[in-house]
């Protein structure tokens, strides 16, 4: 977790391409979030990073197990 007093770092990974949903495929931010980043407060940046985390989790492929194994 990011301490409340620290300014979060940008999630940019240098793969700046926008998909059909107007979201960067590299950092999972919307164009609005990217544009706002430089003027956003630390709290706003943490909120954006939480949205990024949620988007990435939703896009993650499911964990597959071998036949006969269970996810535990």
Protein backbone atom coordinates (compact mmCIF):
# COMPACT_ATOMS: atom_id res chain seq x y z
CA UNK A 1 0.00 0.00 0.00
CA UNK A 2 1.19 3.52 -0.78
CA UNK A 3 1.66 5.70 2.32
CA UNK A 4 -0.86 8.59 2.25
CA UNK A 5 1.87 11.27 2.28
CA UNK A 6 3.88 9.88 -0.64
CA UNK A 7 3.17 10.97 -4.19
CA UNK A 8 2.48 7.84 -6.25
CA UNK A 9 4.58 7.19 -9.33
CA UNK A 10 2.97 7.07 -12.74
CA UNK A 11 1.95 3.60 -13.91
CA UNK A 12 3.22 4.45 -17.42
CA UNK A 13 5.34 1.63 -18.87
CA UNK A 14 6.17 3.36 -22.15
CA UNK A 15 3.67 1.36 -24.24
CA UNK A 16 1.44 4.28 -25.12
CA UNK A 17 -1.29 2.92 -27.37
CA UNK A 18 -4.98 3.61 -26.94
CA UNK A 19 -7.49 0.84 -27.61
CA UNK A 20 -11.07 1.16 -28.88
CA UNK A 21 -12.23 1.92 -25.32
CA UNK A 22 -9.96 5.00 -25.20
CA UNK A 23 -7.75 3.27 -22.63
CA UNK A 24 -3.98 2.88 -22.82
CA UNK A 25 -3.02 -0.76 -23.32
CA UNK A 26 0.24 -0.18 -21.44
CA UNK A 27 -0.87 1.45 -18.20
CA UNK A 28 -4.64 0.79 -18.23
CA UNK A 29 -5.50 4.45 -17.72
CA UNK A 30 -8.11 6.36 -19.68
CA UNK A 31 -7.09 9.36 -21.74
CA UNK A 32 -8.67 11.61 -19.10
CA UNK A 33 -6.67 9.97 -16.32
CA UNK A 34 -3.45 10.29 -18.30
CA UNK A 35 -4.12 13.98 -18.97
CA UNK A 36 -5.00 14.70 -15.36
CA UNK A 37 -2.02 12.83 -13.84
CA UNK A 38 0.43 15.75 -13.85
CA UNK A 39 -1.95 18.03 -11.93
CA UNK A 40 -3.64 15.40 -9.74
CA UNK A 41 -3.16 15.46 -5.98
CA UNK A 42 -1.55 12.43 -4.32
CA UNK A 43 -5.01 11.28 -3.19
CA UNK A 44 -6.36 11.56 -6.75
CA UNK A 45 -3.36 9.61 -8.05
CA UNK A 46 -4.00 6.86 -5.51
CA UNK A 47 -7.63 6.71 -6.69
CA UNK A 48 -6.49 6.40 -10.31
CA UNK A 49 -4.02 3.67 -9.34
CA UNK A 50 -6.80 1.75 -7.59
CA UNK A 51 -8.91 1.94 -10.77
CA UNK A 52 -5.89 0.72 -12.76
CA UNK A 53 -5.45 -2.19 -10.33
CA UNK A 54 -9.11 -3.14 -10.71
CA UNK A 55 -8.95 -2.96 -14.51
CA UNK A 56 -5.84 -5.11 -14.64
CA UNK A 57 -7.38 -7.67 -12.28
CA UNK A 58 -10.48 -7.84 -14.48
CA UNK A 59 -8.31 -8.40 -17.57
CA UNK A 60 -6.06 -11.04 -15.99
CA UNK A 61 -6.51 -14.50 -17.44
CA UNK A 62 -7.94 -17.06 -15.03
CA UNK A 63 -5.49 -19.36 -13.29
CA UNK A 64 -5.66 -22.77 -14.91
CA UNK A 65 -4.97 -26.02 -13.15
CA UNK A 66 -3.94 -29.37 -14.51
CA UNK A 67 -6.65 -32.02 -14.80
CA UNK A 68 -7.44 -33.41 -11.37
CA UNK A 69 -5.96 -30.43 -9.49
CA UNK A 70 -7.93 -27.77 -7.66
CA UNK A 71 -7.35 -24.07 -7.07
CA UNK A 72 -6.78 -23.74 -3.34
